[in-house]
PDB file of all heavy atoms in Angstrom:
ATOM      1  N   HIS A   1      57.675  13.700 208.992  1.00  0.00           N
ATOM      2  CA  HIS A   1      59.082  14.150 209.049  1.00  0.00           C
ATOM      3  C   HIS A   1      59.817  13.538 210.241  1.00  0.00           C
ATOM      4  O   HIS A   1      60.659  14.177 210.858  1.00  0.00           O
ATOM      5  CB  HIS A   1      59.179  15.674 209.076  1.00  0.00           C
ATOM      6  CG  HIS A   1      58.538  16.333 207.905  1.00  0.00           C
ATOM      7  ND1 HIS A   1      59.085  16.289 206.652  1.00  0.00           N
ATOM      8  CD2 HIS A   1      57.378  17.017 207.782  1.00  0.00           C
ATOM      9  CE1 HIS A   1      58.306  16.931 205.812  1.00  0.00           C
ATOM     10  NE2 HIS A   1      57.251  17.374 206.470  1.00  0.00           N
ATOM     11  N   TYR A   2      59.484  12.283 210.552  1.00  0.00           N
ATOM     12  CA  TYR A   2      60.125  11.617 211.682  1.00  0.00           C
ATOM     13  C   TYR A   2      61.632  11.541 211.454  1.00  0.00           C
ATOM     14  O   TYR A   2      62.111  11.141 210.399  1.00  0.00           O
ATOM     15  CB  TYR A   2      59.573  10.206 211.881  1.00  0.00           C
ATOM     16  CG  TYR A   2      60.218   9.495 213.038  1.00  0.00           C
ATOM     17  CD1 TYR A   2      59.761   9.690 214.323  1.00  0.00           C
ATOM     18  CD2 TYR A   2      61.322   8.673 212.842  1.00  0.00           C
ATOM     19  CE1 TYR A   2      60.362   9.067 215.400  1.00  0.00           C
ATOM     20  CE2 TYR A   2      61.931   8.041 213.913  1.00  0.00           C
ATOM     21  CZ  TYR A   2      61.448   8.244 215.185  1.00  0.00           C
ATOM     22  OH  TYR A   2      62.058   7.631 216.252  1.00  0.00           O
ATOM     23  N   GLY A   3      62.376  11.938 212.463  1.00  0.00           N
ATOM     24  CA  GLY A   3      63.822  11.884 212.393  1.00  0.00           C
ATOM     25  C   GLY A   3      64.461  13.165 211.921  1.00  0.00           C
ATOM     26  O   GLY A   3      65.686  13.268 211.868  1.00  0.00           O
ATOM     27  N   SER A   4      63.661  14.175 211.583  1.00  0.00           N
ATOM     28  CA  SER A   4      64.245  15.428 211.095  1.00  0.00           C
ATOM     29  C   SER A   4      64.841  16.253 212.229  1.00  0.00           C
ATOM     30  O   SER A   4      65.683  17.107 211.997  1.00  0.00           O
ATOM     31  CB  SER A   4      63.201  16.258 210.338  1.00  0.00           C
ATOM     32  OG  SER A   4      62.132  16.617 211.192  1.00  0.00           O
ATOM     33  N   THR A   5      64.398  16.001 213.456  1.00  0.00           N
ATOM     34  CA  THR A   5      64.962  16.690 214.619  1.00  0.00           C
ATOM     35  C   THR A   5      65.134  15.693 215.759  1.00  0.00           C
ATOM     36  O   THR A   5      64.591  14.592 215.732  1.00  0.00           O
ATOM     37  CB  THR A   5      64.023  17.819 215.128  1.00  0.00           C
ATOM     38  OG1 THR A   5      62.874  17.231 215.721  1.00  0.00           O
ATOM     39  CG2 THR A   5      63.623  18.766 214.014  1.00  0.00           C
ATOM     40  N   SER A   6      65.826  16.117 216.772  1.00  0.00           N
ATOM     41  CA  SER A   6      66.012  15.262 217.946  1.00  0.00           C
ATOM     42  C   SER A   6      64.725  15.152 218.762  1.00  0.00           C
ATOM     43  O   SER A   6      64.632  14.321 219.660  1.00  0.00           O
ATOM     44  CB  SER A   6      67.142  15.808 218.813  1.00  0.00           C
ATOM     45  OG  SER A   6      66.838  17.134 219.224  1.00  0.00           O
ATOM     46  N   GLU A   7      63.735  15.971 218.451  1.00  0.00           N
ATOM     47  CA  GLU A   7      62.467  15.962 219.176  1.00  0.00           C
ATOM     48  C   GLU A   7      61.537  14.833 218.740  1.00  0.00           C
ATOM     49  O   GLU A   7      60.527  14.575 219.395  1.00  0.00           O
ATOM     50  CB  GLU A   7      61.750  17.306 218.981  1.00  0.00           C
ATOM     51  CG  GLU A   7      62.547  18.501 219.458  1.00  0.00           C
ATOM     52  CD  GLU A   7      62.795  18.470 220.957  1.00  0.00           C
ATOM     53  OE1 GLU A   7      61.844  18.191 221.709  1.00  0.00           O
ATOM     54  OE2 GLU A   7      63.943  18.706 221.363  1.00  0.00           O
ATOM     55  N   SER A   8      61.816  14.171 217.637  1.00  0.00           N
ATOM     56  CA  SER A   8      60.922  13.151 217.092  1.00  0.00           C
ATOM     57  C   SER A   8      60.589  12.069 218.112  1.00  0.00           C
ATOM     58  O   SER A   8      59.427  11.674 218.256  1.00  0.00           O
ATOM     59  CB  SER A   8      61.531  12.512 215.842  1.00  0.00           C
ATOM     60  OG  SER A   8      61.617  13.447 214.802  1.00  0.00           O
ATOM     61  N   ASP A   9      61.575  11.582 218.818  1.00  0.00           N
ATOM     62  CA  ASP A   9      61.325  10.512 219.794  1.00  0.00           C
ATOM     63  C   ASP A   9      60.534  11.013 220.996  1.00  0.00           C
ATOM     64  O   ASP A   9      59.734  10.276 221.565  1.00  0.00           O
ATOM     65  CB  ASP A   9      62.626   9.869 220.234  1.00  0.00           C
ATOM     66  CG  ASP A   9      63.230   9.005 219.142  1.00  0.00           C
ATOM     67  OD1 ASP A   9      62.457   8.367 218.404  1.00  0.00           O
ATOM     68  OD2 ASP A   9      64.465   8.985 219.022  1.00  0.00           O
ATOM     69  N   TYR A  10      60.744  12.273 221.379  1.00  0.00           N
ATOM     70  CA  TYR A  10      59.975  12.832 222.490  1.00  0.00           C
ATOM     71  C   TYR A  10      58.504  12.975 222.114  1.00  0.00           C
ATOM     72  O   TYR A  10      57.621  12.688 222.918  1.00  0.00           O
ATOM     73  CB  TYR A  10      60.538  14.194 222.904  1.00  0.00           C
ATOM     74  CG  TYR A  10      61.928  14.103 223.474  1.00  0.00           C
ATOM     75  CD1 TYR A  10      63.003  14.698 222.829  1.00  0.00           C
ATOM     76  CD2 TYR A  10      62.173  13.399 224.655  1.00  0.00           C
ATOM     77  CE1 TYR A  10      64.283  14.608 223.346  1.00  0.00           C
ATOM     78  CE2 TYR A  10      63.450  13.301 225.177  1.00  0.00           C
ATOM     79  CZ  TYR A  10      64.496  13.907 224.524  1.00  0.00           C
ATOM     80  OH  TYR A  10      65.750  13.810 225.029  1.00  0.00           O
ATOM     81  N   ILE A  11      58.249  13.423 220.902  1.00  0.00           N
ATOM     82  CA  ILE A  11      56.870  13.548 220.430  1.00  0.00           C
ATOM     83  C   ILE A  11      56.224  12.171 220.372  1.00  0.00           C
ATOM     84  O   ILE A  11      55.088  11.985 220.800  1.00  0.00           O
ATOM     85  CB  ILE A  11      56.829  14.244 219.055  1.00  0.00           C
ATOM     86  CG1 ILE A  11      57.307  15.689 219.194  1.00  0.00           C
ATOM     87  CG2 ILE A  11      55.434  14.180 218.449  1.00  0.00           C
ATOM     88  CD1 ILE A  11      57.557  16.382 217.877  1.00  0.00           C
ATOM     89  N   LEU A  12      56.958  11.202 219.852  1.00  0.00           N
ATOM     90  CA  LEU A  12      56.445   9.838 219.752  1.00  0.00           C
ATOM     91  C   LEU A  12      56.101   9.271 221.128  1.00  0.00           C
ATOM     92  O   LEU A  12      55.116   8.544 221.282  1.00  0.00           O
ATOM     93  CB  LEU A  12      57.455   8.948 219.041  1.00  0.00           C
ATOM     94  CG  LEU A  12      57.063   7.496 218.828  1.00  0.00           C
ATOM     95  CD1 LEU A  12      55.800   7.399 217.981  1.00  0.00           C
ATOM     96  CD2 LEU A  12      58.201   6.744 218.162  1.00  0.00           C
ATOM     97  N   ALA A  13      56.874   9.609 222.133  1.00  0.00           N
ATOM     98  CA  ALA A  13      56.615   9.111 223.489  1.00  0.00           C
ATOM     99  C   ALA A  13      55.348   9.724 224.086  1.00  0.00           C
ATOM    100  O   ALA A  13      54.678   9.093 224.902  1.00  0.00           O
ATOM    101  CB  ALA A  13      57.811   9.412 224.384  1.00  0.00           C
ATOM    102  N   ASP A  14      55.003  10.935 223.661  1.00  0.00           N
ATOM    103  CA  ASP A  14      53.859  11.642 224.242  1.00  0.00           C
ATOM    104  C   ASP A  14      52.551  11.449 223.485  1.00  0.00           C
ATOM    105  O   ASP A  14      51.483  11.648 224.050  1.00  0.00           O
ATOM    106  CB  ASP A  14      54.151  13.142 224.315  1.00  0.00           C
ATOM    107  CG  ASP A  14      55.178  13.468 225.377  1.00  0.00           C
ATOM    108  OD1 ASP A  14      55.363  12.656 226.299  1.00  0.00           O
ATOM    109  OD2 ASP A  14      55.805  14.537 225.279  1.00  0.00           O
ATOM    110  N   ILE A  15      52.629  11.095 222.210  1.00  0.00           N
ATOM    111  CA  ILE A  15      51.429  11.013 221.382  1.00  0.00           C
ATOM    112  C   ILE A  15      51.322   9.612 220.786  1.00  0.00           C
ATOM    113  O   ILE A  15      52.253   9.143 220.131  1.00  0.00           O
ATOM    114  CB  ILE A  15      51.487  12.052 220.240  1.00  0.00           C
ATOM    115  CG1 ILE A  15      51.584  13.461 220.813  1.00  0.00           C
ATOM    116  CG2 ILE A  15      50.277  11.920 219.331  1.00  0.00           C
ATOM    117  CD1 ILE A  15      51.826  14.526 219.773  1.00  0.00           C
ATOM    118  N   PRO A  16      50.198   8.939 220.976  1.00  0.00           N
ATOM    119  CA  PRO A  16      50.020   7.627 220.334  1.00  0.00           C
ATOM    120  C   PRO A  16      49.770   7.821 218.838  1.00  0.00           C
ATOM    121  O   PRO A  16      48.805   8.475 218.451  1.00  0.00           O
ATOM    122  CB  PRO A  16      48.801   7.046 221.042  1.00  0.00           C
ATOM    123  CG  PRO A  16      48.036   8.240 221.520  1.00  0.00           C
ATOM    124  CD  PRO A  16      49.050   9.316 221.786  1.00  0.00           C
ATOM    125  N   VAL A  17      50.643   7.298 218.017  1.00  0.00           N
ATOM    126  CA  VAL A  17      50.503   7.474 216.572  1.00  0.00           C
ATOM    127  C   VAL A  17      50.229   6.131 215.896  1.00  0.00           C
ATOM    128  O   VAL A  17      50.614   5.080 216.397  1.00  0.00           O
ATOM    129  CB  VAL A  17      51.754   8.136 215.943  1.00  0.00           C
ATOM    130  CG1 VAL A  17      51.986   9.516 216.524  1.00  0.00           C
ATOM    131  CG2 VAL A  17      52.990   7.287 216.114  1.00  0.00           C
ATOM    132  N   ASP A  18      49.544   6.212 214.760  1.00  0.00           N
ATOM    133  CA  ASP A  18      49.260   5.027 213.954  1.00  0.00           C
ATOM    134  C   ASP A  18      50.255   4.888 212.811  1.00  0.00           C
ATOM    135  O   ASP A  18      50.558   3.788 212.368  1.00  0.00           O
ATOM    136  CB  ASP A  18      47.845   5.112 213.373  1.00  0.00           C
ATOM    137  CG  ASP A  18      46.804   5.289 214.464  1.00  0.00           C
ATOM    138  OD1 ASP A  18      46.704   4.394 215.314  1.00  0.00           O
ATOM    139  OD2 ASP A  18      46.114   6.331 214.465  1.00  0.00           O
ATOM    140  N   TYR A  19      50.723   6.040 212.324  1.00  0.00           N
ATOM    141  CA  TYR A  19      51.622   6.083 211.174  1.00  0.00           C
ATOM    142  C   TYR A  19      52.791   7.000 211.477  1.00  0.00           C
ATOM    143  O   TYR A  19      52.643   8.001 212.171  1.00  0.00           O
ATOM    144  CB  TYR A  19      50.908   6.655 209.933  1.00  0.00           C
ATOM    145  CG  TYR A  19      49.717   5.874 209.496  1.00  0.00           C
ATOM    146  CD1 TYR A  19      48.452   6.161 209.994  1.00  0.00           C
ATOM    147  CD2 TYR A  19      49.833   4.841 208.569  1.00  0.00           C
ATOM    148  CE1 TYR A  19      47.343   5.447 209.589  1.00  0.00           C
ATOM    149  CE2 TYR A  19      48.726   4.123 208.160  1.00  0.00           C
ATOM    150  CZ  TYR A  19      47.483   4.431 208.674  1.00  0.00           C
ATOM    151  OH  TYR A  19      46.390   3.727 208.274  1.00  0.00           O
ATOM    152  N   ILE A  20      53.931   6.627 210.914  1.00  0.00           N
ATOM    153  CA  ILE A  20      55.087   7.513 210.940  1.00  0.00           C
ATOM    154  C   ILE A  20      55.584   7.649 209.512  1.00  0.00           C
ATOM    155  O   ILE A  20      55.864   6.655 208.842  1.00  0.00           O
ATOM    156  CB  ILE A  20      56.214   6.980 211.844  1.00  0.00           C
ATOM    157  CG1 ILE A  20      55.818   7.138 213.301  1.00  0.00           C
ATOM    158  CG2 ILE A  20      57.525   7.702 211.552  1.00  0.00           C
ATOM    159  CD1 ILE A  20      56.872   6.728 214.286  1.00  0.00           C
ATOM    160  N   LYS A  21      55.675   8.897 209.080  1.00  0.00           N
ATOM    161  CA  LYS A  21      56.247   9.188 207.768  1.00  0.00           C
ATOM    162  C   LYS A  21      57.679   9.658 208.006  1.00  0.00           C
ATOM    163  O   LYS A  21      57.915  10.680 208.651  1.00  0.00           O
ATOM    164  CB  LYS A  21      55.426  10.269 207.063  1.00  0.00           C
ATOM    165  CG  LYS A  21      55.902  10.568 205.668  1.00  0.00           C
ATOM    166  CD  LYS A  21      54.947  11.542 205.005  1.00  0.00           C
ATOM    167  CE  LYS A  21      55.387  11.906 203.625  1.00  0.00           C
ATOM    168  NZ  LYS A  21      54.425  12.850 203.015  1.00  0.00           N
ATOM    169  N   LEU A  22      58.617   8.867 207.535  1.00  0.00           N
ATOM    170  CA  LEU A  22      60.025   9.199 207.717  1.00  0.00           C
ATOM    171  C   LEU A  22      60.352  10.523 207.033  1.00  0.00           C
ATOM    172  O   LEU A  22      59.719  10.898 206.049  1.00  0.00           O
ATOM    173  CB  LEU A  22      60.908   8.103 207.132  1.00  0.00           C
ATOM    174  CG  LEU A  22      60.758   6.718 207.747  1.00  0.00           C
ATOM    175  CD1 LEU A  22      61.551   5.692 206.950  1.00  0.00           C
ATOM    176  CD2 LEU A  22      61.189   6.720 209.201  1.00  0.00           C
ATOM    177  N   ASP A  23      61.333  11.198 207.537  1.00  0.00           N
ATOM    178  CA  ASP A  23      61.779  12.415 206.879  1.00  0.00           C
ATOM    179  C   ASP A  23      62.402  12.058 205.539  1.00  0.00           C
ATOM    180  O   ASP A  23      63.111  11.049 205.420  1.00  0.00           O
ATOM    181  CB  ASP A  23      62.794  13.154 207.763  1.00  0.00           C
ATOM    182  CG  ASP A  23      63.120  14.517 207.210  1.00  0.00           C
ATOM    183  OD1 ASP A  23      62.227  15.380 207.248  1.00  0.00           O
ATOM    184  OD2 ASP A  23      64.242  14.707 206.724  1.00  0.00           O
ATOM    185  N   GLY A  24      62.148  12.874 204.541  1.00  0.00           N
ATOM    186  CA  GLY A  24      62.660  12.621 203.201  1.00  0.00           C
ATOM    187  C   GLY A  24      64.173  12.572 203.111  1.00  0.00           C
ATOM    188  O   GLY A  24      64.729  11.995 202.174  1.00  0.00           O
ATOM    189  N   SER A  25      64.855  13.154 204.072  1.00  0.00           N
ATOM    190  CA  SER A  25      66.324  13.143 204.044  1.00  0.00           C
ATOM    191  C   SER A  25      66.880  11.720 204.126  1.00  0.00           C
ATOM    192  O   SER A  25      67.944  11.442 203.578  1.00  0.00           O
ATOM    193  CB  SER A  25      66.892  13.996 205.179  1.00  0.00           C
ATOM    194  OG  SER A  25      66.532  13.461 206.431  1.00  0.00           O
ATOM    195  N   TYR A  26      66.158  10.816 204.782  1.00  0.00           N
ATOM    196  CA  TYR A  26      66.619   9.429 204.850  1.00  0.00           C
ATOM    197  C   TYR A  26      66.681   8.808 203.460  1.00  0.00           C
ATOM    198  O   TYR A  26      67.648   8.136 203.116  1.00  0.00           O
ATOM    199  CB  TYR A  26      65.706   8.572 205.734  1.00  0.00           C
ATOM    200  CG  TYR A  26      65.830   8.865 207.207  1.00  0.00           C
ATOM    201  CD1 TYR A  26      64.749   9.367 207.914  1.00  0.00           C
ATOM    202  CD2 TYR A  26      67.018   8.637 207.888  1.00  0.00           C
ATOM    203  CE1 TYR A  26      64.855   9.636 209.271  1.00  0.00           C
ATOM    204  CE2 TYR A  26      67.126   8.902 209.234  1.00  0.00           C
ATOM    205  CZ  TYR A  26      66.038   9.409 209.923  1.00  0.00           C
ATOM    206  OH  TYR A  26      66.145   9.673 211.256  1.00  0.00           O
ATOM    207  N   LEU A  27      65.656   9.043 202.647  1.00  0.00           N
ATOM    208  CA  LEU A  27      65.638   8.481 201.296  1.00  0.00           C
ATOM    209  C   LEU A  27      66.672   9.151 200.409  1.00  0.00           C
ATOM    210  O   LEU A  27      67.338   8.489 199.612  1.00  0.00           O
ATOM    211  CB  LEU A  27      64.241   8.612 200.678  1.00  0.00           C
ATOM    212  CG  LEU A  27      63.230   7.570 201.141  1.00  0.00           C
ATOM    213  CD1 LEU A  27      63.561   6.212 200.605  1.00  0.00           C
ATOM    214  CD2 LEU A  27      62.929   7.549 202.578  1.00  0.00           C
ATOM    215  N   ARG A  28      66.804  10.456 200.552  1.00  0.00           N
ATOM    216  CA  ARG A  28      67.808  11.185 199.768  1.00  0.00           C
ATOM    217  C   ARG A  28      69.211  10.666 200.104  1.00  0.00           C
ATOM    218  O   ARG A  28      70.010  10.367 199.213  1.00  0.00           O
ATOM    219  CB  ARG A  28      67.698  12.681 200.053  1.00  0.00           C
ATOM    220  CG  ARG A  28      68.654  13.522 199.217  1.00  0.00           C
ATOM    221  CD  ARG A  28      68.682  14.979 199.638  1.00  0.00           C
ATOM    222  NE  ARG A  28      69.176  15.088 201.014  1.00  0.00           N
ATOM    223  CZ  ARG A  28      68.494  15.631 202.002  1.00  0.00           C
ATOM    224  NH1 ARG A  28      67.295  16.111 201.826  1.00  0.00           N
ATOM    225  NH2 ARG A  28      69.016  15.694 203.214  1.00  0.00           N
ATOM    226  N   ASP A  29      69.508  10.527 201.389  1.00  0.00           N
ATOM    227  CA  ASP A  29      70.828  10.059 201.806  1.00  0.00           C
ATOM    228  C   ASP A  29      71.066   8.598 201.427  1.00  0.00           C
ATOM    229  O   ASP A  29      72.187   8.213 201.088  1.00  0.00           O
ATOM    230  CB  ASP A  29      71.013  10.244 203.311  1.00  0.00           C
ATOM    231  CG  ASP A  29      71.087  11.716 203.715  1.00  0.00           C
ATOM    232  OD1 ASP A  29      71.236  12.579 202.824  1.00  0.00           O
ATOM    233  OD2 ASP A  29      70.980  11.989 204.922  1.00  0.00           O
ATOM    234  N   LEU A  30      70.021   7.792 201.464  1.00  0.00           N
ATOM    235  CA  LEU A  30      70.136   6.400 201.045  1.00  0.00           C
ATOM    236  C   LEU A  30      70.495   6.335 199.560  1.00  0.00           C
ATOM    237  O   LEU A  30      71.354   5.552 199.160  1.00  0.00           O
ATOM    238  CB  LEU A  30      68.828   5.669 201.324  1.00  0.00           C
ATOM    239  CG  LEU A  30      68.829   4.155 201.265  1.00  0.00           C
ATOM    240  CD1 LEU A  30      69.778   3.569 202.301  1.00  0.00           C
ATOM    241  CD2 LEU A  30      67.417   3.629 201.487  1.00  0.00           C
ATOM    242  N   ASN A  31      69.885   7.177 198.752  1.00  0.00           N
ATOM    243  CA  ASN A  31      70.187   7.227 197.319  1.00  0.00           C
ATOM    244  C   ASN A  31      71.598   7.713 197.039  1.00  0.00           C
ATOM    245  O   ASN A  31      72.221   7.287 196.077  1.00  0.00           O
ATOM    246  CB  ASN A  31      69.197   8.124 196.583  1.00  0.00           C
ATOM    247  CG  ASN A  31      67.870   7.458 196.398  1.00  0.00           C
ATOM    248  OD1 ASN A  31      67.774   6.241 196.413  1.00  0.00           O
ATOM    249  ND2 ASN A  31      66.838   8.259 196.235  1.00  0.00           N
ATOM    250  N   ARG A  32      72.086   8.606 197.858  1.00  0.00           N
ATOM    251  CA  ARG A  32      73.437   9.162 197.670  1.00  0.00           C
ATOM    252  C   ARG A  32      74.519   8.308 198.319  1.00  0.00           C
ATOM    253  O   ARG A  32      75.691   8.669 198.306  1.00  0.00           O
ATOM    254  CB  ARG A  32      73.497  10.565 198.261  1.00  0.00           C
ATOM    255  CG  ARG A  32      72.648  11.565 197.540  1.00  0.00           C
ATOM    256  CD  ARG A  32      72.758  12.908 198.186  1.00  0.00           C
ATOM    257  NE  ARG A  32      71.923  13.885 197.514  1.00  0.00           N
ATOM    258  CZ  ARG A  32      71.641  15.072 197.981  1.00  0.00           C
ATOM    259  NH1 ARG A  32      72.141  15.454 199.157  1.00  0.00           N
ATOM    260  NH2 ARG A  32      70.869  15.897 197.322  1.00  0.00           N
ATOM    261  N   ASN A  33      74.101   7.217 198.939  1.00  0.00           N
ATOM    262  CA  ASN A  33      75.012   6.315 199.655  1.00  0.00           C
ATOM    263  C   ASN A  33      75.700   6.986 200.837  1.00  0.00           C
ATOM    264  O   ASN A  33      76.751   6.539 201.271  1.00  0.00           O
ATOM    265  CB  ASN A  33      76.044   5.705 198.706  1.00  0.00           C
ATOM    266  CG  ASN A  33      75.405   4.788 197.702  1.00  0.00           C
ATOM    267  OD1 ASN A  33      74.487   4.044 198.037  1.00  0.00           O
ATOM    268  ND2 ASN A  33      75.861   4.849 196.467  1.00  0.00           N
ATOM    269  N   SER A  34      75.116   8.072 201.353  1.00  0.00           N
ATOM    270  CA  SER A  34      75.660   8.668 202.570  1.00  0.00           C
ATOM    271  C   SER A  34      74.946   8.119 203.814  1.00  0.00           C
ATOM    272  O   SER A  34      75.310   8.465 204.932  1.00  0.00           O
ATOM    273  CB  SER A  34      75.567  10.195 202.518  1.00  0.00           C
ATOM    274  OG  SER A  34      74.239  10.614 202.340  1.00  0.00           O
ATOM    275  N   LEU A  35      73.951   7.258 203.589  1.00  0.00           N
ATOM    276  CA  LEU A  35      73.271   6.528 204.648  1.00  0.00           C
ATOM    277  C   LEU A  35      73.191   5.077 204.195  1.00  0.00           C
ATOM    278  O   LEU A  35      72.743   4.795 203.083  1.00  0.00           O
ATOM    279  CB  LEU A  35      71.859   7.088 204.876  1.00  0.00           C
ATOM    280  CG  LEU A  35      71.005   6.381 205.917  1.00  0.00           C
ATOM    281  CD1 LEU A  35      71.499   6.711 207.325  1.00  0.00           C
ATOM    282  CD2 LEU A  35      69.551   6.782 205.775  1.00  0.00           C
ATOM    283  N   SER A  36      73.628   4.182 205.044  1.00  0.00           N
ATOM    284  CA  SER A  36      73.585   2.766 204.672  1.00  0.00           C
ATOM    285  C   SER A  36      72.229   2.170 205.038  1.00  0.00           C
ATOM    286  O   SER A  36      71.492   2.701 205.872  1.00  0.00           O
ATOM    287  CB  SER A  36      74.692   1.989 205.386  1.00  0.00           C
ATOM    288  OG  SER A  36      74.410   1.869 206.763  1.00  0.00           O
ATOM    289  N   THR A  37      71.923   1.061 204.411  1.00  0.00           N
ATOM    290  CA  THR A  37      70.700   0.336 204.731  1.00  0.00           C
ATOM    291  C   THR A  37      70.704  -0.062 206.201  1.00  0.00           C
ATOM    292  O   THR A  37      69.680   0.012 206.884  1.00  0.00           O
ATOM    293  CB  THR A  37      70.577  -0.915 203.846  1.00  0.00           C
ATOM    294  OG1 THR A  37      70.630  -0.512 202.486  1.00  0.00           O
ATOM    295  CG2 THR A  37      69.286  -1.657 204.105  1.00  0.00           C
ATOM    296  N   ARG A  38      71.849  -0.435 206.711  1.00  0.00           N
ATOM    297  CA  ARG A  38      71.978  -0.825 208.120  1.00  0.00           C
ATOM    298  C   ARG A  38      71.674   0.349 209.056  1.00  0.00           C
ATOM    299  O   ARG A  38      71.033   0.188 210.093  1.00  0.00           O
ATOM    300  CB  ARG A  38      73.389  -1.351 208.392  1.00  0.00           C
ATOM    301  CG  ARG A  38      73.528  -1.994 209.745  1.00  0.00           C
ATOM    302  CD  ARG A  38      74.853  -2.633 209.872  1.00  0.00           C
ATOM    303  NE  ARG A  38      74.869  -3.768 208.937  1.00  0.00           N
ATOM    304  CZ  ARG A  38      75.642  -4.821 209.046  1.00  0.00           C
ATOM    305  NH1 ARG A  38      76.495  -4.888 210.028  1.00  0.00           N
ATOM    306  NH2 ARG A  38      75.589  -5.790 208.176  1.00  0.00           N
ATOM    307  N   GLN A  39      72.125   1.554 208.680  1.00  0.00           N
ATOM    308  CA  GLN A  39      71.841   2.727 209.503  1.00  0.00           C
ATOM    309  C   GLN A  39      70.342   3.041 209.501  1.00  0.00           C
ATOM    310  O   GLN A  39      69.779   3.361 210.548  1.00  0.00           O
ATOM    311  CB  GLN A  39      72.625   3.935 208.993  1.00  0.00           C
ATOM    312  CG  GLN A  39      74.117   3.841 209.255  1.00  0.00           C
ATOM    313  CD  GLN A  39      74.878   4.916 208.516  1.00  0.00           C
ATOM    314  OE1 GLN A  39      74.675   5.137 207.324  1.00  0.00           O
ATOM    315  NE2 GLN A  39      75.767   5.603 209.231  1.00  0.00           N
ATOM    316  N   LEU A  40      69.709   2.957 208.334  1.00  0.00           N
ATOM    317  CA  LEU A  40      68.269   3.198 208.262  1.00  0.00           C
ATOM    318  C   LEU A  40      67.516   2.136 209.062  1.00  0.00           C
ATOM    319  O   LEU A  40      66.556   2.448 209.760  1.00  0.00           O
ATOM    320  CB  LEU A  40      67.793   3.228 206.813  1.00  0.00           C
ATOM    321  CG  LEU A  40      66.306   3.497 206.607  1.00  0.00           C
ATOM    322  CD1 LEU A  40      65.887   4.805 207.268  1.00  0.00           C
ATOM    323  CD2 LEU A  40      65.981   3.509 205.124  1.00  0.00           C
ATOM    324  N   GLU A  41      67.970   0.913 208.987  1.00  0.00           N
ATOM    325  CA  GLU A  41      67.337  -0.167 209.746  1.00  0.00           C
ATOM    326  C   GLU A  41      67.396   0.120 211.248  1.00  0.00           C
ATOM    327  O   GLU A  41      66.435  -0.135 211.974  1.00  0.00           O
ATOM    328  CB  GLU A  41      68.009  -1.493 209.430  1.00  0.00           C
ATOM    329  CG  GLU A  41      67.366  -2.672 210.100  1.00  0.00           C
ATOM    330  CD  GLU A  41      68.026  -3.988 209.720  1.00  0.00           C
ATOM    331  OE1 GLU A  41      69.220  -3.992 209.373  1.00  0.00           O
ATOM    332  OE2 GLU A  41      67.329  -5.008 209.778  1.00  0.00           O
ATOM    333  N   SER A  42      68.501   0.682 211.723  1.00  0.00           N
ATOM    334  CA  SER A  42      68.611   0.988 213.154  1.00  0.00           C
ATOM    335  C   SER A  42      67.651   2.104 213.567  1.00  0.00           C
ATOM    336  O   SER A  42      67.212   2.146 214.710  1.00  0.00           O
ATOM    337  CB  SER A  42      70.050   1.347 213.525  1.00  0.00           C
ATOM    338  OG  SER A  42      70.412   2.591 212.982  1.00  0.00           O
ATOM    339  N   VAL A  43      67.300   2.977 212.635  1.00  0.00           N
ATOM    340  CA  VAL A  43      66.331   4.036 212.922  1.00  0.00           C
ATOM    341  C   VAL A  43      64.917   3.459 213.023  1.00  0.00           C
ATOM    342  O   VAL A  43      64.151   3.825 213.917  1.00  0.00           O
ATOM    343  CB  VAL A  43      66.380   5.131 211.833  1.00  0.00           C
ATOM    344  CG1 VAL A  43      65.222   6.109 211.979  1.00  0.00           C
ATOM    345  CG2 VAL A  43      67.710   5.864 211.867  1.00  0.00           C
ATOM    346  N   ILE A  44      64.576   2.557 212.111  1.00  0.00           N
ATOM    347  CA  ILE A  44      63.191   2.077 212.059  1.00  0.00           C
ATOM    348  C   ILE A  44      62.920   0.858 212.942  1.00  0.00           C
ATOM    349  O   ILE A  44      61.769   0.566 213.228  1.00  0.00           O
ATOM    350  CB  ILE A  44      62.750   1.791 210.610  1.00  0.00           C
ATOM    351  CG1 ILE A  44      63.551   0.660 209.993  1.00  0.00           C
ATOM    352  CG2 ILE A  44      62.812   3.044 209.780  1.00  0.00           C
ATOM    353  CD1 ILE A  44      63.039   0.221 208.642  1.00  0.00           C
ATOM    354  N   ARG A  45      63.947   0.176 213.392  1.00  0.00           N
ATOM    355  CA  ARG A  45      63.747  -1.028 214.222  1.00  0.00           C
ATOM    356  C   ARG A  45      62.868  -0.761 215.445  1.00  0.00           C
ATOM    357  O   ARG A  45      61.904  -1.490 215.678  1.00  0.00           O
ATOM    358  CB  ARG A  45      65.091  -1.620 214.645  1.00  0.00           C
ATOM    359  CG  ARG A  45      64.961  -2.950 215.368  1.00  0.00           C
ATOM    360  CD  ARG A  45      66.309  -3.548 215.758  1.00  0.00           C
ATOM    361  NE  ARG A  45      67.191  -3.655 214.612  1.00  0.00           N
ATOM    362  CZ  ARG A  45      68.376  -3.045 214.517  1.00  0.00           C
ATOM    363  NH1 ARG A  45      68.830  -2.297 215.509  1.00  0.00           N
ATOM    364  NH2 ARG A  45      69.120  -3.178 213.439  1.00  0.00           N
ATOM    365  N   PRO A  46      63.136   0.301 216.235  1.00  0.00           N
ATOM    366  CA  PRO A  46      62.281   0.544 217.398  1.00  0.00           C
ATOM    367  C   PRO A  46      60.838   0.879 217.010  1.00  0.00           C
ATOM    368  O   PRO A  46      59.902   0.558 217.745  1.00  0.00           O
ATOM    369  CB  PRO A  46      62.927   1.740 218.101  1.00  0.00           C
ATOM    370  CG  PRO A  46      64.261   1.913 217.488  1.00  0.00           C
ATOM    371  CD  PRO A  46      64.259   1.218 216.178  1.00  0.00           C
TER     372      PRO A  46
END
């Protein structure tokens, strides 16, 4: 559920992770065109 709260980046900084499962809201919003591909790219780039 990465990105579901503002705490996601803090958790990521404290715990070494191998995988990140994005929050489903990103895919839902991408399908509804309320999130652009460019906006999603800015989330996953780091």
